[in-house]
């Protein structure tokens, strides 16, 4: 830790951005998987050997999987946005605090 908190703050802000990027990347992976799941619609006749119930179960599972993947991606994007907003707010607070500290010794405000 340093005596003036400056470098530690910069490291923390970089860590927040790094984490946000990981969440964004994970969201992209989920979106790719969702795209694949959406495209896996099969004609019910494909299941003629097993019956209509199997075709319906497959479609319900495929649809649910695609929905959950999209929702997961949306949630991951929201986490990334929250991390970035936290970093922005923290940086703004630090800048305001530094500005106040600069004026504490009678210097310019």
N, C-alpha and C. Protein backbone atom coordinates (compact mmCIF):
# COMPACT_ATOMS: atom_id res chain seq x y z
N UNK A 1 0.85 -1.18 0.00
CA UNK A 1 0.00 0.00 0.00
C UNK A 1 0.89 1.23 0.00
N UNK A 2 0.46 2.23 -0.70
CA UNK A 2 1.24 3.46 -0.75
C UNK A 2 0.68 4.46 0.24
N UNK A 3 1.43 5.52 0.43
CA UNK A 3 1.00 6.52 1.39
C UNK A 3 -0.10 7.42 0.90
N UNK A 4 -0.32 7.50 -0.42
CA UNK A 4 -1.29 8.48 -0.91
C UNK A 4 -2.51 7.88 -1.58
N UNK A 5 -2.68 6.62 -1.57
CA UNK A 5 -3.82 5.91 -2.13
C UNK A 5 -3.93 6.00 -3.64
N UNK A 6 -3.19 6.84 -4.32
CA UNK A 6 -3.29 7.00 -5.76
C UNK A 6 -3.07 5.72 -6.53
N UNK A 7 -1.90 5.09 -6.42
CA UNK A 7 -1.67 3.87 -7.18
C UNK A 7 -2.63 2.74 -6.82
N UNK A 8 -2.98 2.61 -5.55
CA UNK A 8 -3.92 1.56 -5.16
C UNK A 8 -5.28 1.76 -5.81
N UNK A 9 -5.70 3.00 -5.91
CA UNK A 9 -6.97 3.30 -6.56
C UNK A 9 -6.90 2.93 -8.03
N UNK A 10 -5.79 3.27 -8.68
CA UNK A 10 -5.64 2.93 -10.10
C UNK A 10 -5.66 1.43 -10.31
N UNK A 11 -5.01 0.69 -9.42
CA UNK A 11 -5.00 -0.77 -9.52
C UNK A 11 -6.41 -1.31 -9.33
N UNK A 12 -7.13 -0.80 -8.36
CA UNK A 12 -8.50 -1.25 -8.11
C UNK A 12 -9.40 -0.96 -9.30
N UNK A 13 -9.24 0.20 -9.89
CA UNK A 13 -10.07 0.55 -11.05
C UNK A 13 -9.75 -0.35 -12.24
N UNK A 14 -8.48 -0.65 -12.43
CA UNK A 14 -8.10 -1.59 -13.51
C UNK A 14 -8.67 -2.98 -13.24
N UNK A 15 -8.66 -3.38 -11.99
CA UNK A 15 -9.21 -4.70 -11.63
C UNK A 15 -10.72 -4.75 -11.89
N UNK A 16 -11.41 -3.67 -11.59
CA UNK A 16 -12.85 -3.62 -11.88
C UNK A 16 -13.10 -3.73 -13.38
N UNK A 17 -12.32 -3.03 -14.17
CA UNK A 17 -12.49 -3.11 -15.63
C UNK A 17 -12.15 -4.50 -16.14
N UNK A 18 -11.11 -5.10 -15.58
CA UNK A 18 -10.74 -6.46 -15.98
C UNK A 18 -11.87 -7.44 -15.67
N UNK A 19 -12.44 -7.30 -14.48
CA UNK A 19 -13.57 -8.16 -14.11
C UNK A 19 -14.77 -7.91 -15.02
N UNK A 20 -15.04 -6.66 -15.31
CA UNK A 20 -16.16 -6.32 -16.20
C UNK A 20 -15.96 -6.94 -17.57
N UNK A 21 -14.74 -6.91 -18.06
CA UNK A 21 -14.45 -7.51 -19.36
C UNK A 21 -14.70 -9.01 -19.34
N UNK A 22 -14.35 -9.65 -18.25
CA UNK A 22 -14.60 -11.10 -18.14
C UNK A 22 -16.10 -11.40 -18.18
N UNK A 23 -16.88 -10.59 -17.49
CA UNK A 23 -18.33 -10.78 -17.50
C UNK A 23 -18.89 -10.54 -18.91
N UNK A 24 -18.38 -9.52 -19.58
CA UNK A 24 -18.82 -9.23 -20.95
C UNK A 24 -18.46 -10.39 -21.88
N UNK A 25 -17.26 -10.90 -21.73
CA UNK A 25 -16.83 -12.05 -22.56
C UNK A 25 -17.70 -13.27 -22.30
N UNK A 26 -18.01 -13.52 -21.03
CA UNK A 26 -18.87 -14.66 -20.69
C UNK A 26 -20.27 -14.47 -21.27
N UNK A 27 -20.77 -13.24 -21.27
CA UNK A 27 -22.08 -12.97 -21.87
C UNK A 27 -22.06 -13.29 -23.36
N UNK A 28 -20.96 -12.96 -24.02
CA UNK A 28 -20.85 -13.24 -25.46
C UNK A 28 -20.88 -14.75 -25.72
N UNK A 29 -20.22 -15.52 -24.86
CA UNK A 29 -20.23 -16.98 -25.00
C UNK A 29 -21.66 -17.51 -24.83
N UNK A 30 -22.36 -16.99 -23.84
CA UNK A 30 -23.75 -17.44 -23.63
C UNK A 30 -24.63 -17.05 -24.81
N UNK A 31 -24.43 -15.88 -25.38
CA UNK A 31 -25.22 -15.46 -26.54
C UNK A 31 -24.96 -16.37 -27.74
N UNK A 32 -23.70 -16.76 -27.92
CA UNK A 32 -23.39 -17.70 -29.01
C UNK A 32 -24.12 -19.03 -28.79
N UNK A 33 -24.08 -19.51 -27.56
CA UNK A 33 -24.77 -20.76 -27.25
C UNK A 33 -26.27 -20.62 -27.45
N UNK A 34 -26.83 -19.46 -27.09
CA UNK A 34 -28.26 -19.22 -27.28
C UNK A 34 -28.61 -19.25 -28.76
N UNK A 35 -27.76 -18.66 -29.59
CA UNK A 35 -27.99 -18.66 -31.03
C UNK A 35 -28.04 -20.09 -31.57
N UNK A 36 -27.13 -20.92 -31.09
CA UNK A 36 -27.12 -22.32 -31.50
C UNK A 36 -28.39 -23.02 -31.02
N UNK A 37 -28.78 -22.78 -29.78
CA UNK A 37 -29.97 -23.43 -29.23
C UNK A 37 -31.23 -23.02 -29.99
N UNK A 38 -31.31 -21.75 -30.34
CA UNK A 38 -32.48 -21.25 -31.08
C UNK A 38 -32.59 -21.98 -32.43
N UNK A 39 -31.45 -22.26 -33.03
CA UNK A 39 -31.44 -22.87 -34.37
C UNK A 39 -31.68 -24.38 -34.35
N UNK A 40 -31.75 -24.99 -33.20
CA UNK A 40 -31.88 -26.45 -33.12
C UNK A 40 -33.32 -26.94 -33.16
N UNK A 41 -34.19 -26.19 -33.79
CA UNK A 41 -35.59 -26.61 -33.93
C UNK A 41 -35.63 -27.83 -34.85
N UNK A 42 -36.28 -28.85 -34.41
CA UNK A 42 -36.42 -30.07 -35.21
C UNK A 42 -37.88 -30.30 -35.55
N UNK A 43 -38.11 -30.77 -36.73
CA UNK A 43 -39.46 -31.14 -37.16
C UNK A 43 -39.96 -32.25 -36.24
N UNK A 44 -41.19 -32.14 -35.77
CA UNK A 44 -41.71 -33.18 -34.88
C UNK A 44 -41.63 -34.59 -35.49
N UNK A 45 -41.65 -34.67 -36.81
CA UNK A 45 -41.55 -35.97 -37.47
C UNK A 45 -40.22 -36.65 -37.23
N UNK A 46 -39.23 -35.87 -36.85
CA UNK A 46 -37.92 -36.43 -36.53
C UNK A 46 -38.03 -37.43 -35.39
N UNK A 47 -39.03 -37.23 -34.55
CA UNK A 47 -39.21 -38.08 -33.38
C UNK A 47 -40.31 -39.13 -33.59
N UNK A 48 -40.62 -39.42 -34.83
CA UNK A 48 -41.72 -40.35 -35.11
C UNK A 48 -41.50 -41.71 -34.46
N UNK A 49 -40.26 -42.09 -34.30
CA UNK A 49 -39.95 -43.38 -33.67
C UNK A 49 -40.29 -43.39 -32.18
N UNK A 50 -40.34 -42.18 -31.55
CA UNK A 50 -40.54 -42.11 -30.11
C UNK A 50 -41.90 -41.53 -29.72
N UNK A 51 -42.55 -40.88 -30.64
CA UNK A 51 -43.87 -40.34 -30.34
C UNK A 51 -43.87 -38.84 -30.13
N UNK A 52 -45.07 -38.32 -30.18
CA UNK A 52 -45.29 -36.87 -30.06
C UNK A 52 -44.79 -36.32 -28.72
N UNK A 53 -44.94 -37.08 -27.65
CA UNK A 53 -44.52 -36.61 -26.33
C UNK A 53 -43.03 -36.30 -26.30
N UNK A 54 -42.23 -37.11 -26.95
CA UNK A 54 -40.80 -36.88 -26.98
C UNK A 54 -40.49 -35.62 -27.78
N UNK A 55 -41.17 -35.44 -28.90
CA UNK A 55 -40.98 -34.23 -29.71
C UNK A 55 -41.34 -32.99 -28.90
N UNK A 56 -42.43 -33.05 -28.16
CA UNK A 56 -42.85 -31.91 -27.34
C UNK A 56 -41.86 -31.65 -26.20
N UNK A 57 -41.37 -32.72 -25.59
CA UNK A 57 -40.38 -32.57 -24.51
C UNK A 57 -39.09 -31.95 -25.05
N UNK A 58 -38.66 -32.42 -26.23
CA UNK A 58 -37.45 -31.85 -26.84
C UNK A 58 -37.63 -30.36 -27.08
N UNK A 59 -38.75 -30.00 -27.68
CA UNK A 59 -38.98 -28.58 -28.00
C UNK A 59 -39.06 -27.74 -26.74
N UNK A 60 -39.71 -28.25 -25.70
CA UNK A 60 -39.79 -27.50 -24.44
C UNK A 60 -38.40 -27.29 -23.85
N UNK A 61 -37.58 -28.33 -23.87
CA UNK A 61 -36.23 -28.22 -23.33
C UNK A 61 -35.36 -27.29 -24.18
N UNK A 62 -35.47 -27.38 -25.49
CA UNK A 62 -34.70 -26.52 -26.39
C UNK A 62 -35.07 -25.07 -26.17
N UNK A 63 -36.35 -24.81 -26.11
CA UNK A 63 -36.84 -23.44 -25.92
C UNK A 63 -36.41 -22.88 -24.56
N UNK A 64 -36.54 -23.68 -23.52
CA UNK A 64 -36.13 -23.24 -22.18
C UNK A 64 -34.63 -22.98 -22.14
N UNK A 65 -33.87 -23.85 -22.74
CA UNK A 65 -32.41 -23.67 -22.76
C UNK A 65 -32.04 -22.37 -23.45
N UNK A 66 -32.63 -22.10 -24.60
CA UNK A 66 -32.35 -20.86 -25.33
C UNK A 66 -32.73 -19.65 -24.50
N UNK A 67 -33.89 -19.70 -23.85
CA UNK A 67 -34.34 -18.59 -23.01
C UNK A 67 -33.39 -18.34 -21.85
N UNK A 68 -33.00 -19.41 -21.17
CA UNK A 68 -32.09 -19.27 -20.02
C UNK A 68 -30.72 -18.75 -20.45
N UNK A 69 -30.24 -19.17 -21.60
CA UNK A 69 -28.96 -18.67 -22.09
C UNK A 69 -29.02 -17.17 -22.38
N UNK A 70 -30.10 -16.73 -23.00
CA UNK A 70 -30.26 -15.29 -23.27
C UNK A 70 -30.37 -14.52 -21.96
N UNK A 71 -31.17 -15.02 -21.03
CA UNK A 71 -31.31 -14.34 -19.73
C UNK A 71 -29.98 -14.31 -18.99
N UNK A 72 -29.22 -15.40 -19.05
CA UNK A 72 -27.91 -15.43 -18.41
C UNK A 72 -26.98 -14.39 -19.02
N UNK A 73 -26.99 -14.30 -20.34
CA UNK A 73 -26.15 -13.30 -21.02
C UNK A 73 -26.56 -11.89 -20.61
N UNK A 74 -27.85 -11.65 -20.56
CA UNK A 74 -28.33 -10.32 -20.12
C UNK A 74 -27.86 -10.02 -18.69
N UNK A 75 -27.94 -11.01 -17.83
CA UNK A 75 -27.50 -10.83 -16.44
C UNK A 75 -25.99 -10.58 -16.36
N UNK A 76 -25.22 -11.31 -17.14
CA UNK A 76 -23.77 -11.09 -17.16
C UNK A 76 -23.44 -9.69 -17.66
N UNK A 77 -24.15 -9.24 -18.69
CA UNK A 77 -23.94 -7.87 -19.18
C UNK A 77 -24.30 -6.85 -18.10
N UNK A 78 -25.33 -7.13 -17.32
CA UNK A 78 -25.72 -6.22 -16.25
C UNK A 78 -24.65 -6.16 -15.16
N UNK A 79 -24.04 -7.29 -14.85
CA UNK A 79 -22.95 -7.31 -13.86
C UNK A 79 -21.78 -6.47 -14.38
N UNK A 80 -21.43 -6.66 -15.65
CA UNK A 80 -20.33 -5.89 -16.24
C UNK A 80 -20.64 -4.39 -16.20
N UNK A 81 -21.86 -4.04 -16.53
CA UNK A 81 -22.25 -2.61 -16.50
C UNK A 81 -22.17 -2.06 -15.08
N UNK A 82 -22.59 -2.86 -14.10
CA UNK A 82 -22.54 -2.40 -12.71
C UNK A 82 -21.10 -2.21 -12.25
N UNK A 83 -20.21 -3.12 -12.65
CA UNK A 83 -18.80 -2.98 -12.29
C UNK A 83 -18.21 -1.72 -12.92
N UNK A 84 -18.55 -1.48 -14.17
CA UNK A 84 -18.02 -0.28 -14.85
C UNK A 84 -18.59 0.99 -14.23
N UNK A 85 -19.85 0.97 -13.87
CA UNK A 85 -20.46 2.14 -13.23
C UNK A 85 -19.84 2.36 -11.85
N UNK A 86 -19.57 1.29 -11.13
CA UNK A 86 -18.92 1.42 -9.82
C UNK A 86 -17.54 2.05 -9.98
N UNK A 87 -16.80 1.60 -10.98
CA UNK A 87 -15.46 2.14 -11.22
C UNK A 87 -15.56 3.63 -11.58
N UNK A 88 -16.53 3.97 -12.42
CA UNK A 88 -16.70 5.37 -12.81
C UNK A 88 -17.06 6.23 -11.60
N UNK A 89 -17.98 5.75 -10.79
CA UNK A 89 -18.39 6.51 -9.61
C UNK A 89 -17.25 6.64 -8.61
N UNK A 90 -16.50 5.56 -8.44
CA UNK A 90 -15.37 5.59 -7.50
C UNK A 90 -14.31 6.57 -7.99
N UNK A 91 -14.02 6.54 -9.29
CA UNK A 91 -13.03 7.47 -9.85
C UNK A 91 -13.49 8.91 -9.68
N UNK A 92 -14.77 9.16 -9.89
CA UNK A 92 -15.31 10.51 -9.72
C UNK A 92 -15.21 10.95 -8.26
N UNK A 93 -15.51 10.04 -7.33
CA UNK A 93 -15.39 10.37 -5.91
C UNK A 93 -13.94 10.65 -5.54
N UNK A 94 -13.02 9.86 -6.07
CA UNK A 94 -11.61 10.07 -5.81
C UNK A 94 -11.15 11.43 -6.34
N UNK A 95 -11.60 11.76 -7.54
CA UNK A 95 -11.22 13.05 -8.13
C UNK A 95 -11.78 14.20 -7.30
N UNK A 96 -13.01 14.06 -6.85
CA UNK A 96 -13.62 15.10 -6.02
C UNK A 96 -12.89 15.22 -4.69
N UNK A 97 -12.52 14.08 -4.11
CA UNK A 97 -11.78 14.08 -2.85
C UNK A 97 -10.41 14.71 -3.00
N UNK A 98 -9.73 14.42 -4.09
CA UNK A 98 -8.43 15.02 -4.35
C UNK A 98 -8.57 16.52 -4.52
N UNK A 99 -9.64 16.93 -5.18
CA UNK A 99 -9.88 18.36 -5.38
C UNK A 99 -10.12 19.05 -4.02
N UNK A 100 -10.90 18.40 -3.17
CA UNK A 100 -11.15 18.96 -1.83
C UNK A 100 -9.87 19.02 -1.02
N UNK A 101 -9.06 17.97 -1.10
CA UNK A 101 -7.81 17.94 -0.36
C UNK A 101 -6.87 19.03 -0.85
N UNK A 102 -6.88 19.28 -2.14
CA UNK A 102 -6.04 20.34 -2.69
C UNK A 102 -6.40 21.68 -2.12
N UNK A 103 -7.64 21.87 -1.79
CA UNK A 103 -8.09 23.16 -1.23
C UNK A 103 -7.97 23.22 0.27
N UNK A 104 -7.65 22.11 0.94
CA UNK A 104 -7.60 22.09 2.39
C UNK A 104 -6.44 22.89 2.96
N UNK A 105 -5.38 23.07 2.19
CA UNK A 105 -4.21 23.79 2.70
C UNK A 105 -4.24 25.27 2.30
N UNK A 106 -5.38 25.70 1.86
CA UNK A 106 -5.50 27.09 1.46
C UNK A 106 -5.14 27.32 0.00
N UNK A 107 -4.82 26.21 -0.70
CA UNK A 107 -4.47 26.30 -2.10
C UNK A 107 -5.72 26.49 -2.96
N UNK A 108 -5.54 26.45 -4.26
CA UNK A 108 -6.67 26.65 -5.18
C UNK A 108 -7.72 25.57 -5.04
N UNK A 109 -8.94 25.94 -5.26
CA UNK A 109 -10.06 24.99 -5.21
C UNK A 109 -10.62 24.77 -6.57
